[in-house]
Amino acid sequence: MDHKRGSFSGKIGFVLSAAGASVGLGNIWRFPYLAAKYGGAIFLLVYIILAMTFGYTMIIAETSHDRQEPCRRLQVLQR
């Protein structure tokens, strides 16, 4: 299979993408720290439980959908 990789159209697209990724990564590390620092440990506990619950549910839903239509994904990728 001959795959052509995507690329950024210019420098500004790359810079904006890198900035967005770094801001998102910073928030992932900073949010739990600040919540625990200011007494939000119970909120973090509930947040993690809900994230794990919904995450697990979405993984199961996606896996079951892929089992029903396994060839659909390959057809989309071949376009």
N, C-alpha and C. Protein backbone atom coordinates (compact mmCIF):
# COMPACT_ATOMS: atom_id res chain seq x y z
N MET A 1 0.84 -1.18 0.00
CA MET A 1 0.00 0.00 0.00
C MET A 1 0.87 1.24 0.00
N ASP A 2 0.50 2.18 -0.81
CA ASP A 2 1.25 3.43 -0.90
C ASP A 2 0.50 4.50 -0.11
N HIS A 3 1.05 4.86 1.05
CA HIS A 3 0.41 5.84 1.91
C HIS A 3 1.13 7.17 1.78
N LYS A 4 0.37 8.23 1.61
CA LYS A 4 0.95 9.56 1.58
C LYS A 4 0.67 10.22 2.92
N ARG A 5 1.70 10.67 3.58
CA ARG A 5 1.55 11.29 4.90
C ARG A 5 1.10 12.73 4.76
N GLY A 6 0.28 13.15 5.67
CA GLY A 6 -0.16 14.52 5.70
C GLY A 6 0.93 15.43 6.26
N SER A 7 0.84 16.69 5.91
CA SER A 7 1.82 17.65 6.42
C SER A 7 1.12 18.99 6.63
N PHE A 8 1.79 19.85 7.35
CA PHE A 8 1.25 21.18 7.61
C PHE A 8 1.41 22.03 6.36
N SER A 9 0.44 22.91 6.12
CA SER A 9 0.49 23.75 4.92
C SER A 9 1.45 24.92 5.08
N GLY A 10 1.78 25.26 6.30
CA GLY A 10 2.70 26.37 6.53
C GLY A 10 3.23 26.35 7.94
N LYS A 11 4.09 27.30 8.22
CA LYS A 11 4.70 27.37 9.55
C LYS A 11 3.69 27.76 10.61
N ILE A 12 2.73 28.60 10.26
CA ILE A 12 1.76 29.07 11.25
C ILE A 12 0.88 27.92 11.73
N GLY A 13 0.53 27.01 10.84
CA GLY A 13 -0.26 25.84 11.24
C GLY A 13 0.49 24.97 12.23
N PHE A 14 1.78 24.77 11.98
CA PHE A 14 2.59 23.97 12.90
C PHE A 14 2.72 24.65 14.25
N VAL A 15 2.97 25.96 14.24
CA VAL A 15 3.13 26.70 15.50
C VAL A 15 1.85 26.66 16.32
N LEU A 16 0.71 26.86 15.67
CA LEU A 16 -0.57 26.83 16.39
C LEU A 16 -0.87 25.43 16.93
N SER A 17 -0.55 24.42 16.15
CA SER A 17 -0.76 23.05 16.62
C SER A 17 0.13 22.72 17.81
N ALA A 18 1.40 23.11 17.75
CA ALA A 18 2.32 22.87 18.86
C ALA A 18 1.89 23.63 20.11
N ALA A 19 1.45 24.88 19.93
CA ALA A 19 1.00 25.68 21.07
C ALA A 19 -0.24 25.06 21.71
N GLY A 20 -1.18 24.60 20.89
CA GLY A 20 -2.39 23.96 21.42
C GLY A 20 -2.08 22.69 22.18
N ALA A 21 -1.15 21.91 21.66
CA ALA A 21 -0.77 20.67 22.34
C ALA A 21 -0.09 20.97 23.67
N SER A 22 0.78 21.96 23.70
CA SER A 22 1.48 22.27 24.95
C SER A 22 0.54 22.87 25.99
N VAL A 23 -0.40 23.69 25.57
CA VAL A 23 -1.38 24.23 26.52
C VAL A 23 -2.24 23.11 27.08
N GLY A 24 -2.68 22.21 26.23
CA GLY A 24 -3.49 21.08 26.70
C GLY A 24 -2.72 20.20 27.66
N LEU A 25 -1.47 19.92 27.35
CA LEU A 25 -0.64 19.10 28.23
C LEU A 25 -0.40 19.81 29.56
N GLY A 26 -0.20 21.11 29.52
CA GLY A 26 -0.02 21.87 30.75
C GLY A 26 -1.25 21.83 31.63
N ASN A 27 -2.42 21.89 31.02
CA ASN A 27 -3.66 21.83 31.80
C ASN A 27 -3.86 20.46 32.42
N ILE A 28 -3.44 19.42 31.72
CA ILE A 28 -3.58 18.07 32.28
C ILE A 28 -2.76 17.93 33.56
N TRP A 29 -1.58 18.52 33.59
CA TRP A 29 -0.73 18.43 34.77
C TRP A 29 -1.10 19.46 35.84
N ARG A 30 -1.53 20.64 35.45
CA ARG A 30 -1.77 21.72 36.41
C ARG A 30 -3.11 21.58 37.13
N PHE A 31 -4.14 21.14 36.44
CA PHE A 31 -5.47 21.07 37.04
C PHE A 31 -5.52 20.19 38.28
N PRO A 32 -5.04 18.95 38.24
CA PRO A 32 -5.09 18.14 39.47
C PRO A 32 -4.26 18.72 40.60
N TYR A 33 -3.12 19.32 40.26
CA TYR A 33 -2.27 19.93 41.28
C TYR A 33 -2.99 21.07 41.99
N LEU A 34 -3.60 21.96 41.23
CA LEU A 34 -4.31 23.09 41.84
C LEU A 34 -5.55 22.63 42.60
N ALA A 35 -6.26 21.66 42.08
CA ALA A 35 -7.45 21.18 42.77
C ALA A 35 -7.08 20.54 44.11
N ALA A 36 -6.03 19.76 44.14
CA ALA A 36 -5.60 19.14 45.40
C ALA A 36 -5.04 20.17 46.36
N LYS A 37 -4.36 21.16 45.83
CA LYS A 37 -3.75 22.19 46.66
C LYS A 37 -4.80 23.02 47.41
N TYR A 38 -5.92 23.29 46.75
CA TYR A 38 -6.95 24.13 47.35
C TYR A 38 -8.13 23.34 47.90
N GLY A 39 -7.93 22.09 48.25
CA GLY A 39 -8.96 21.31 48.92
C GLY A 39 -9.96 20.65 48.00
N GLY A 40 -9.60 20.40 46.77
CA GLY A 40 -10.54 19.78 45.84
C GLY A 40 -10.25 18.32 45.59
N ALA A 41 -9.69 17.64 46.57
CA ALA A 41 -9.33 16.23 46.38
C ALA A 41 -10.56 15.36 46.12
N ILE A 42 -11.68 15.65 46.79
CA ILE A 42 -12.89 14.85 46.57
C ILE A 42 -13.41 15.07 45.15
N PHE A 43 -13.27 16.31 44.66
CA PHE A 43 -13.67 16.59 43.28
C PHE A 43 -12.81 15.78 42.30
N LEU A 44 -11.51 15.73 42.57
CA LEU A 44 -10.62 14.96 41.72
C LEU A 44 -10.98 13.48 41.73
N LEU A 45 -11.32 12.97 42.89
CA LEU A 45 -11.70 11.57 43.00
C LEU A 45 -12.94 11.28 42.16
N VAL A 46 -13.96 12.12 42.28
CA VAL A 46 -15.18 11.95 41.50
C VAL A 46 -14.88 12.12 40.00
N TYR A 47 -14.05 13.09 39.66
CA TYR A 47 -13.68 13.35 38.27
C TYR A 47 -12.98 12.13 37.65
N ILE A 48 -12.04 11.56 38.37
CA ILE A 48 -11.31 10.39 37.87
C ILE A 48 -12.24 9.19 37.73
N ILE A 49 -13.12 8.98 38.70
CA ILE A 49 -14.06 7.86 38.62
C ILE A 49 -14.98 8.02 37.41
N LEU A 50 -15.51 9.23 37.19
CA LEU A 50 -16.39 9.46 36.05
C LEU A 50 -15.64 9.32 34.73
N ALA A 51 -14.42 9.85 34.68
CA ALA A 51 -13.62 9.74 33.45
C ALA A 51 -13.33 8.28 33.12
N MET A 52 -13.00 7.49 34.13
CA MET A 52 -12.73 6.07 33.89
C MET A 52 -14.01 5.34 33.47
N THR A 53 -15.13 5.67 34.10
CA THR A 53 -16.39 5.02 33.77
C THR A 53 -16.81 5.33 32.33
N PHE A 54 -16.83 6.60 31.98
CA PHE A 54 -17.22 6.97 30.62
C PHE A 54 -16.19 6.53 29.60
N GLY A 55 -14.93 6.58 29.95
CA GLY A 55 -13.88 6.12 29.04
C GLY A 55 -14.02 4.64 28.74
N TYR A 56 -14.24 3.85 29.77
CA TYR A 56 -14.43 2.40 29.59
C TYR A 56 -15.67 2.13 28.73
N THR A 57 -16.74 2.86 28.99
CA THR A 57 -17.97 2.69 28.22
C THR A 57 -17.74 3.00 26.74
N MET A 58 -17.00 4.06 26.47
CA MET A 58 -16.73 4.43 25.08
C MET A 58 -15.83 3.42 24.39
N ILE A 59 -14.87 2.88 25.10
CA ILE A 59 -14.00 1.86 24.51
C ILE A 59 -14.80 0.61 24.16
N ILE A 60 -15.68 0.19 25.06
CA ILE A 60 -16.52 -0.97 24.80
C ILE A 60 -17.46 -0.70 23.63
N ALA A 61 -18.05 0.49 23.56
CA ALA A 61 -18.94 0.83 22.46
C ALA A 61 -18.21 0.83 21.12
N GLU A 62 -17.01 1.38 21.09
CA GLU A 62 -16.24 1.41 19.85
C GLU A 62 -15.82 0.01 19.43
N THR A 63 -15.42 -0.81 20.38
CA THR A 63 -15.01 -2.17 20.07
C THR A 63 -16.18 -2.98 19.53
N SER A 64 -17.34 -2.85 20.14
CA SER A 64 -18.50 -3.60 19.65
C SER A 64 -18.94 -3.11 18.28
N HIS A 65 -18.81 -1.83 18.03
CA HIS A 65 -19.15 -1.28 16.71
C HIS A 65 -18.18 -1.82 15.65
N ASP A 66 -16.91 -1.92 15.98
CA ASP A 66 -15.93 -2.45 15.05
C ASP A 66 -16.15 -3.93 14.77
N ARG A 67 -16.67 -4.64 15.72
CA ARG A 67 -16.95 -6.06 15.49
C ARG A 67 -18.14 -6.24 14.56
N GLN A 68 -19.08 -5.30 14.58
CA GLN A 68 -20.24 -5.39 13.70
C GLN A 68 -19.88 -5.05 12.26
N GLU A 69 -19.00 -4.05 12.07
CA GLU A 69 -18.63 -3.60 10.74
C GLU A 69 -17.11 -3.51 10.62
N PRO A 70 -16.41 -4.65 10.56
CA PRO A 70 -14.95 -4.59 10.54
C PRO A 70 -14.38 -4.06 9.23
N CYS A 71 -15.07 -4.25 8.13
CA CYS A 71 -14.53 -3.84 6.83
C CYS A 71 -14.79 -2.36 6.54
N ARG A 72 -15.70 -1.77 7.22
CA ARG A 72 -16.05 -0.37 6.94
C ARG A 72 -14.86 0.56 7.12
N ARG A 73 -14.08 0.34 8.16
CA ARG A 73 -12.93 1.20 8.44
C ARG A 73 -11.90 1.09 7.31
N LEU A 74 -11.66 -0.12 6.83
CA LEU A 74 -10.70 -0.31 5.75
C LEU A 74 -11.16 0.34 4.47
N GLN A 75 -12.45 0.31 4.21
CA GLN A 75 -12.98 0.96 3.01
C GLN A 75 -12.81 2.47 3.08
N VAL A 76 -12.99 3.04 4.24
CA VAL A 76 -12.83 4.49 4.40
C VAL A 76 -11.37 4.88 4.22
N LEU A 77 -10.45 4.08 4.77
CA LEU A 77 -9.03 4.39 4.67
C LEU A 77 -8.51 4.24 3.25
N GLN A 78 -9.12 3.41 2.43
CA GLN A 78 -8.65 3.20 1.07
C GLN A 78 -9.08 4.30 0.12
N ARG A 79 -9.96 5.16 0.53
CA ARG A 79 -10.42 6.25 -0.35
C ARG A 79 -9.36 7.27 -0.57
